[in-house]
Amino acid sequence: GANELVVLFKFALYCGIALSQLFIWCMIGNVLLHQ
């Protein structure tokens, strides 16, 4: 139903945010290591 769709959307949004933060931290780490 609609409620399941909302839960799925929140889960996808959370995963997307987590992955983007992880990617950003990896980029920052690479920049700091290669200075």
PDB file of N, CA and C in Angstrom:
ATOM      1  N   GLY A   1       0.809  -1.214   0.000  1.00  0.00           N
ATOM      2  CA  GLY A   1       0.000   0.000   0.000  1.00  0.00           C
ATOM      3  C   GLY A   1       0.840   1.259   0.000  1.00  0.00           C
ATOM      4  N   ALA A   2       0.194   2.386   0.216  1.00  0.00           N
ATOM      5  CA  ALA A   2       0.882   3.674   0.212  1.00  0.00           C
ATOM      6  C   ALA A   2       1.883   3.752   1.364  1.00  0.00           C
ATOM      7  N   ASN A   3       1.513   3.180   2.508  1.00  0.00           N
ATOM      8  CA  ASN A   3       2.397   3.232   3.670  1.00  0.00           C
ATOM      9  C   ASN A   3       3.707   2.498   3.399  1.00  0.00           C
ATOM     10  N   GLU A   4       3.623   1.358   2.728  1.00  0.00           N
ATOM     11  CA  GLU A   4       4.827   0.605   2.381  1.00  0.00           C
ATOM     12  C   GLU A   4       5.712   1.408   1.436  1.00  0.00           C
ATOM     13  N   LEU A   5       5.066   2.137   0.527  1.00  0.00           N
ATOM     14  CA  LEU A   5       5.804   2.959  -0.426  1.00  0.00           C
ATOM     15  C   LEU A   5       6.567   4.067   0.311  1.00  0.00           C
ATOM     16  N   VAL A   6       5.935   4.659   1.317  1.00  0.00           N
ATOM     17  CA  VAL A   6       6.589   5.709   2.106  1.00  0.00           C
ATOM     18  C   VAL A   6       7.790   5.135   2.848  1.00  0.00           C
ATOM     19  N   VAL A   7       7.617   3.960   3.436  1.00  0.00           N
ATOM     20  CA  VAL A   7       8.717   3.315   4.157  1.00  0.00           C
ATOM     21  C   VAL A   7       9.868   3.013   3.202  1.00  0.00           C
ATOM     22  N   LEU A   8       9.527   2.507   2.024  1.00  0.00           N
ATOM     23  CA  LEU A   8      10.539   2.182   1.020  1.00  0.00           C
ATOM     24  C   LEU A   8      11.272   3.443   0.566  1.00  0.00           C
ATOM     25  N   PHE A   9      10.526   4.528   0.378  1.00  0.00           N
ATOM     26  CA  PHE A   9      11.119   5.792  -0.047  1.00  0.00           C
ATOM     27  C   PHE A   9      12.064   6.333   1.022  1.00  0.00           C
ATOM     28  N   LYS A  10      11.635   6.276   2.294  1.00  0.00           N
ATOM     29  CA  LYS A  10      12.486   6.741   3.390  1.00  0.00           C
ATOM     30  C   LYS A  10      13.760   5.912   3.464  1.00  0.00           C
ATOM     31  N   PHE A  11      13.620   4.598   3.271  1.00  0.00           N
ATOM     32  CA  PHE A  11      14.776   3.708   3.304  1.00  0.00           C
ATOM     33  C   PHE A  11      15.747   4.044   2.175  1.00  0.00           C
ATOM     34  N   ALA A  12      15.214   4.262   0.976  1.00  0.00           N
ATOM     35  CA  ALA A  12      16.042   4.602  -0.178  1.00  0.00           C
ATOM     36  C   ALA A  12      16.735   5.949   0.038  1.00  0.00           C
ATOM     37  N   LEU A  13      16.002   6.905   0.594  1.00  0.00           N
ATOM     38  CA  LEU A  13      16.555   8.227   0.863  1.00  0.00           C
ATOM     39  C   LEU A  13      17.688   8.126   1.884  1.00  0.00           C
ATOM     40  N   TYR A  14      17.459   7.351   2.950  1.00  0.00           N
ATOM     41  CA  TYR A  14      18.467   7.160   3.988  1.00  0.00           C
ATOM     42  C   TYR A  14      19.727   6.514   3.418  1.00  0.00           C
ATOM     43  N   CYS A  15      19.533   5.485   2.582  1.00  0.00           N
ATOM     44  CA  CYS A  15      20.675   4.801   1.959  1.00  0.00           C
ATOM     45  C   CYS A  15      21.435   5.760   1.044  1.00  0.00           C
ATOM     46  N   GLY A  16      20.707   6.572   0.300  1.00  0.00           N
ATOM     47  CA  GLY A  16      21.338   7.525  -0.598  1.00  0.00           C
ATOM     48  C   GLY A  16      22.173   8.547   0.157  1.00  0.00           C
ATOM     49  N   ILE A  17      21.630   9.047   1.267  1.00  0.00           N
ATOM     50  CA  ILE A  17      22.357  10.013   2.094  1.00  0.00           C
ATOM     51  C   ILE A  17      23.603   9.366   2.692  1.00  0.00           C
ATOM     52  N   ALA A  18      23.448   8.149   3.206  1.00  0.00           N
ATOM     53  CA  ALA A  18      24.575   7.446   3.815  1.00  0.00           C
ATOM     54  C   ALA A  18      25.687   7.212   2.790  1.00  0.00           C
ATOM     55  N   LEU A  19      25.307   6.785   1.587  1.00  0.00           N
ATOM     56  CA  LEU A  19      26.294   6.524   0.539  1.00  0.00           C
ATOM     57  C   LEU A  19      26.992   7.804   0.101  1.00  0.00           C
ATOM     58  N   SER A  20      26.228   8.898  -0.013  1.00  0.00           N
ATOM     59  CA  SER A  20      26.829  10.157  -0.443  1.00  0.00           C
ATOM     60  C   SER A  20      27.799  10.677   0.617  1.00  0.00           C
ATOM     61  N   GLN A  21      27.445  10.514   1.905  1.00  0.00           N
ATOM     62  CA  GLN A  21      28.343  10.940   2.976  1.00  0.00           C
ATOM     63  C   GLN A  21      29.617  10.108   2.967  1.00  0.00           C
ATOM     64  N   LEU A  22      29.462   8.791   2.750  1.00  0.00           N
ATOM     65  CA  LEU A  22      30.619   7.904   2.690  1.00  0.00           C
ATOM     66  C   LEU A  22      31.531   8.309   1.534  1.00  0.00           C
ATOM     67  N   PHE A  23      30.929   8.614   0.382  1.00  0.00           N
ATOM     68  CA  PHE A  23      31.683   9.025  -0.799  1.00  0.00           C
ATOM     69  C   PHE A  23      32.430  10.329  -0.526  1.00  0.00           C
ATOM     70  N   ILE A  24      31.752  11.297   0.118  1.00  0.00           N
ATOM     71  CA  ILE A  24      32.370  12.582   0.440  1.00  0.00           C
ATOM     72  C   ILE A  24      33.554  12.382   1.381  1.00  0.00           C
ATOM     73  N   TRP A  25      33.385  11.524   2.417  1.00  0.00           N
ATOM     74  CA  TRP A  25      34.482  11.280   3.350  1.00  0.00           C
ATOM     75  C   TRP A  25      35.667  10.621   2.655  1.00  0.00           C
ATOM     76  N   CYS A  26      35.388   9.718   1.702  1.00  0.00           N
ATOM     77  CA  CYS A  26      36.470   9.080   0.938  1.00  0.00           C
ATOM     78  C   CYS A  26      37.220  10.116   0.109  1.00  0.00           C
ATOM     79  N   MET A  27      36.484  11.034  -0.512  1.00  0.00           N
ATOM     80  CA  MET A  27      37.103  12.087  -1.311  1.00  0.00           C
ATOM     81  C   MET A  27      37.975  12.980  -0.439  1.00  0.00           C
ATOM     82  N   ILE A  28      37.453  13.378   0.740  1.00  0.00           N
ATOM     83  CA  ILE A  28      38.215  14.218   1.671  1.00  0.00           C
ATOM     84  C   ILE A  28      39.484  13.490   2.116  1.00  0.00           C
ATOM     85  N   GLY A  29      39.344  12.189   2.423  1.00  0.00           N
ATOM     86  CA  GLY A  29      40.495  11.391   2.839  1.00  0.00           C
ATOM     87  C   GLY A  29      41.562  11.345   1.761  1.00  0.00           C
ATOM     88  N   ASN A  30      41.155  11.164   0.511  1.00  0.00           N
ATOM     89  CA  ASN A  30      42.105  11.119  -0.602  1.00  0.00           C
ATOM     90  C   ASN A  30      42.821  12.455  -0.764  1.00  0.00           C
ATOM     91  N   VAL A  31      42.074  13.548  -0.651  1.00  0.00           N
ATOM     92  CA  VAL A  31      42.667  14.882  -0.787  1.00  0.00           C
ATOM     93  C   VAL A  31      43.689  15.123   0.321  1.00  0.00           C
ATOM     94  N   LEU A  32      43.341  14.740   1.557  1.00  0.00           N
ATOM     95  CA  LEU A  32      44.252  14.948   2.679  1.00  0.00           C
ATOM     96  C   LEU A  32      45.501  14.075   2.552  1.00  0.00           C
ATOM     97  N   LEU A  33      45.342  12.857   2.058  1.00  0.00           N
ATOM     98  CA  LEU A  33      46.482  11.949   1.928  1.00  0.00           C
ATOM     99  C   LEU A  33      47.449  12.406   0.845  1.00  0.00           C
ATOM    100  N   HIS A  34      46.936  13.045  -0.206  1.00  0.00           N
ATOM    101  CA  HIS A  34      47.768  13.393  -1.355  1.00  0.00           C
ATOM    102  C   HIS A  34      48.264  14.835  -1.332  1.00  0.00           C
ATOM    103  N   GLN A  35      48.153  15.488  -0.183  1.00  0.00           N
ATOM    104  CA  GLN A  35      48.659  16.858  -0.093  1.00  0.00           C
ATOM    105  C   GLN A  35      50.190  16.850  -0.015  1.00  0.00           C
TER     106      GLN A  35
END
